[in-house]
């Protein structure tokens, strides 16, 4: 089980908006990767949302893409080029 405390009005979507603004990157050019309820606010503000394979079905449904369920340590860096159709990171 997961237990989290956050300040009122704070969420990952707002944090991403602040960081993107500081770097001058439009949110529609940002991606968010997540696997739980607390990632949904980030999914709503970015151009590309990706749910991890172990995410609950409602989180996968909220994402634009879903990564495969991987059991290999450090596997996410390996699937990102495929997911984004990149040659390399």
C-alpha atoms as a PDB file:
ATOM      1  CA  UNK A   1       0.000   0.000   0.000  1.00  0.00           C
ATOM      2  CA  UNK A   2       1.031   3.568  -0.622  1.00  0.00           C
ATOM      3  CA  UNK A   3       0.582   6.544   1.693  1.00  0.00           C
ATOM      4  CA  UNK A   4       1.493  10.087   0.658  1.00  0.00           C
ATOM      5  CA  UNK A   5       1.120  13.532   2.167  1.00  0.00           C
ATOM      6  CA  UNK A   6       1.228  16.657   0.036  1.00  0.00           C
ATOM      7  CA  UNK A   7       0.520  20.305   0.642  1.00  0.00           C
ATOM      8  CA  UNK A   8      -2.895  21.544  -0.420  1.00  0.00           C
ATOM      9  CA  UNK A   9      -2.859  22.580  -4.071  1.00  0.00           C
ATOM     10  CA  UNK A  10       0.407  20.783  -4.788  1.00  0.00           C
ATOM     11  CA  UNK A  11       0.541  18.084  -7.429  1.00  0.00           C
ATOM     12  CA  UNK A  12       2.868  16.749 -10.103  1.00  0.00           C
ATOM     13  CA  UNK A  13       1.091  18.620 -12.895  1.00  0.00           C
ATOM     14  CA  UNK A  14       1.697  21.980 -11.244  1.00  0.00           C
ATOM     15  CA  UNK A  15       5.289  21.062 -10.466  1.00  0.00           C
ATOM     16  CA  UNK A  16       5.902  20.106 -14.090  1.00  0.00           C
ATOM     17  CA  UNK A  17       4.390  23.388 -15.243  1.00  0.00           C
ATOM     18  CA  UNK A  18       6.799  25.342 -13.025  1.00  0.00           C
ATOM     19  CA  UNK A  19       9.840  23.356 -14.174  1.00  0.00           C
ATOM     20  CA  UNK A  20       8.875  23.565 -17.853  1.00  0.00           C
ATOM     21  CA  UNK A  21       8.368  27.327 -17.560  1.00  0.00           C
ATOM     22  CA  UNK A  22      11.791  27.749 -15.914  1.00  0.00           C
ATOM     23  CA  UNK A  23      13.414  25.957 -18.845  1.00  0.00           C
ATOM     24  CA  UNK A  24      11.227  27.626 -21.468  1.00  0.00           C
ATOM     25  CA  UNK A  25       9.784  24.327 -22.681  1.00  0.00           C
ATOM     26  CA  UNK A  26       6.101  24.271 -23.659  1.00  0.00           C
ATOM     27  CA  UNK A  27       4.160  21.636 -21.723  1.00  0.00           C
ATOM     28  CA  UNK A  28       2.859  20.139 -24.948  1.00  0.00           C
ATOM     29  CA  UNK A  29       6.475  19.196 -25.726  1.00  0.00           C
ATOM     30  CA  UNK A  30       6.944  17.471 -22.358  1.00  0.00           C
ATOM     31  CA  UNK A  31       6.302  13.870 -21.381  1.00  0.00           C
ATOM     32  CA  UNK A  32       5.312  12.360 -18.044  1.00  0.00           C
ATOM     33  CA  UNK A  33       5.794   8.748 -17.042  1.00  0.00           C
ATOM     34  CA  UNK A  34       3.883   7.331 -14.109  1.00  0.00           C
ATOM     35  CA  UNK A  35       2.273   4.339 -12.498  1.00  0.00           C
ATOM     36  CA  UNK A  36      -0.159   5.626  -9.905  1.00  0.00           C
ATOM     37  CA  UNK A  37      -3.004   7.967  -9.051  1.00  0.00           C
ATOM     38  CA  UNK A  38      -0.657  10.803  -8.115  1.00  0.00           C
ATOM     39  CA  UNK A  39       0.636  10.903 -11.704  1.00  0.00           C
ATOM     40  CA  UNK A  40      -2.741  11.765 -13.261  1.00  0.00           C
ATOM     41  CA  UNK A  41      -2.309  15.516 -12.784  1.00  0.00           C
ATOM     42  CA  UNK A  42       0.983  15.309 -14.701  1.00  0.00           C
ATOM     43  CA  UNK A  43      -0.692  13.299 -17.463  1.00  0.00           C
ATOM     44  CA  UNK A  44      -3.272  16.060 -17.893  1.00  0.00           C
ATOM     45  CA  UNK A  45      -0.742  18.857 -18.529  1.00  0.00           C
ATOM     46  CA  UNK A  46       1.881  17.284 -20.790  1.00  0.00           C
ATOM     47  CA  UNK A  47       1.865  16.519 -24.478  1.00  0.00           C
ATOM     48  CA  UNK A  48       2.749  12.845 -24.019  1.00  0.00           C
ATOM     49  CA  UNK A  49       1.640  10.784 -21.042  1.00  0.00           C
ATOM     50  CA  UNK A  50       2.971   7.271 -20.524  1.00  0.00           C
ATOM     51  CA  UNK A  51       1.696   4.774 -17.985  1.00  0.00           C
ATOM     52  CA  UNK A  52       4.033   2.055 -16.806  1.00  0.00           C
ATOM     53  CA  UNK A  53       3.029  -1.556 -17.332  1.00  0.00           C
ATOM     54  CA  UNK A  54       2.433  -2.083 -13.624  1.00  0.00           C
ATOM     55  CA  UNK A  55      -0.007   0.849 -13.387  1.00  0.00           C
ATOM     56  CA  UNK A  56      -3.650   0.253 -12.437  1.00  0.00           C
ATOM     57  CA  UNK A  57      -6.020   0.100 -15.403  1.00  0.00           C
ATOM     58  CA  UNK A  58      -7.552   3.549 -14.702  1.00  0.00           C
ATOM     59  CA  UNK A  59      -4.068   5.119 -14.824  1.00  0.00           C
ATOM     60  CA  UNK A  60      -3.284   3.331 -18.107  1.00  0.00           C
ATOM     61  CA  UNK A  61      -6.616   4.542 -19.503  1.00  0.00           C
ATOM     62  CA  UNK A  62      -5.715   8.152 -18.656  1.00  0.00           C
ATOM     63  CA  UNK A  63      -2.373   7.942 -20.483  1.00  0.00           C
ATOM     64  CA  UNK A  64      -1.762   8.454 -24.185  1.00  0.00           C
ATOM     65  CA  UNK A  65       0.558   5.440 -24.223  1.00  0.00           C
ATOM     66  CA  UNK A  66       1.294   2.468 -22.007  1.00  0.00           C
ATOM     67  CA  UNK A  67       4.698   0.894 -21.600  1.00  0.00           C
ATOM     68  CA  UNK A  68       4.956  -2.868 -21.491  1.00  0.00           C
ATOM     69  CA  UNK A  69       5.119  -4.570 -18.127  1.00  0.00           C
ATOM     70  CA  UNK A  70       8.823  -5.177 -17.604  1.00  0.00           C
ATOM     71  CA  UNK A  71      10.474  -7.399 -15.063  1.00  0.00           C
ATOM     72  CA  UNK A  72      14.071  -6.514 -15.945  1.00  0.00           C
ATOM     73  CA  UNK A  73      15.890  -4.005 -13.692  1.00  0.00           C
ATOM     74  CA  UNK A  74      16.633  -0.727 -15.474  1.00  0.00           C
ATOM     75  CA  UNK A  75      14.345  -1.702 -18.339  1.00  0.00           C
ATOM     76  CA  UNK A  76      12.540   1.669 -18.781  1.00  0.00           C
ATOM     77  CA  UNK A  77      15.579   3.330 -20.435  1.00  0.00           C
ATOM     78  CA  UNK A  78      15.602   0.449 -22.908  1.00  0.00           C
ATOM     79  CA  UNK A  79      11.971   0.852 -23.967  1.00  0.00           C
ATOM     80  CA  UNK A  80      11.935   4.651 -24.312  1.00  0.00           C
ATOM     81  CA  UNK A  81      13.619   4.753 -27.739  1.00  0.00           C
ATOM     82  CA  UNK A  82      11.098   2.229 -29.033  1.00  0.00           C
ATOM     83  CA  UNK A  83       8.179   4.080 -27.453  1.00  0.00           C
ATOM     84  CA  UNK A  84       9.214   7.386 -28.989  1.00  0.00           C
ATOM     85  CA  UNK A  85      10.637   5.876 -32.180  1.00  0.00           C
ATOM     86  CA  UNK A  86      14.072   7.306 -31.385  1.00  0.00           C
ATOM     87  CA  UNK A  87      17.423   6.035 -32.543  1.00  0.00           C
ATOM     88  CA  UNK A  88      19.002   6.664 -29.139  1.00  0.00           C
ATOM     89  CA  UNK A  89      18.497   8.738 -25.997  1.00  0.00           C
END
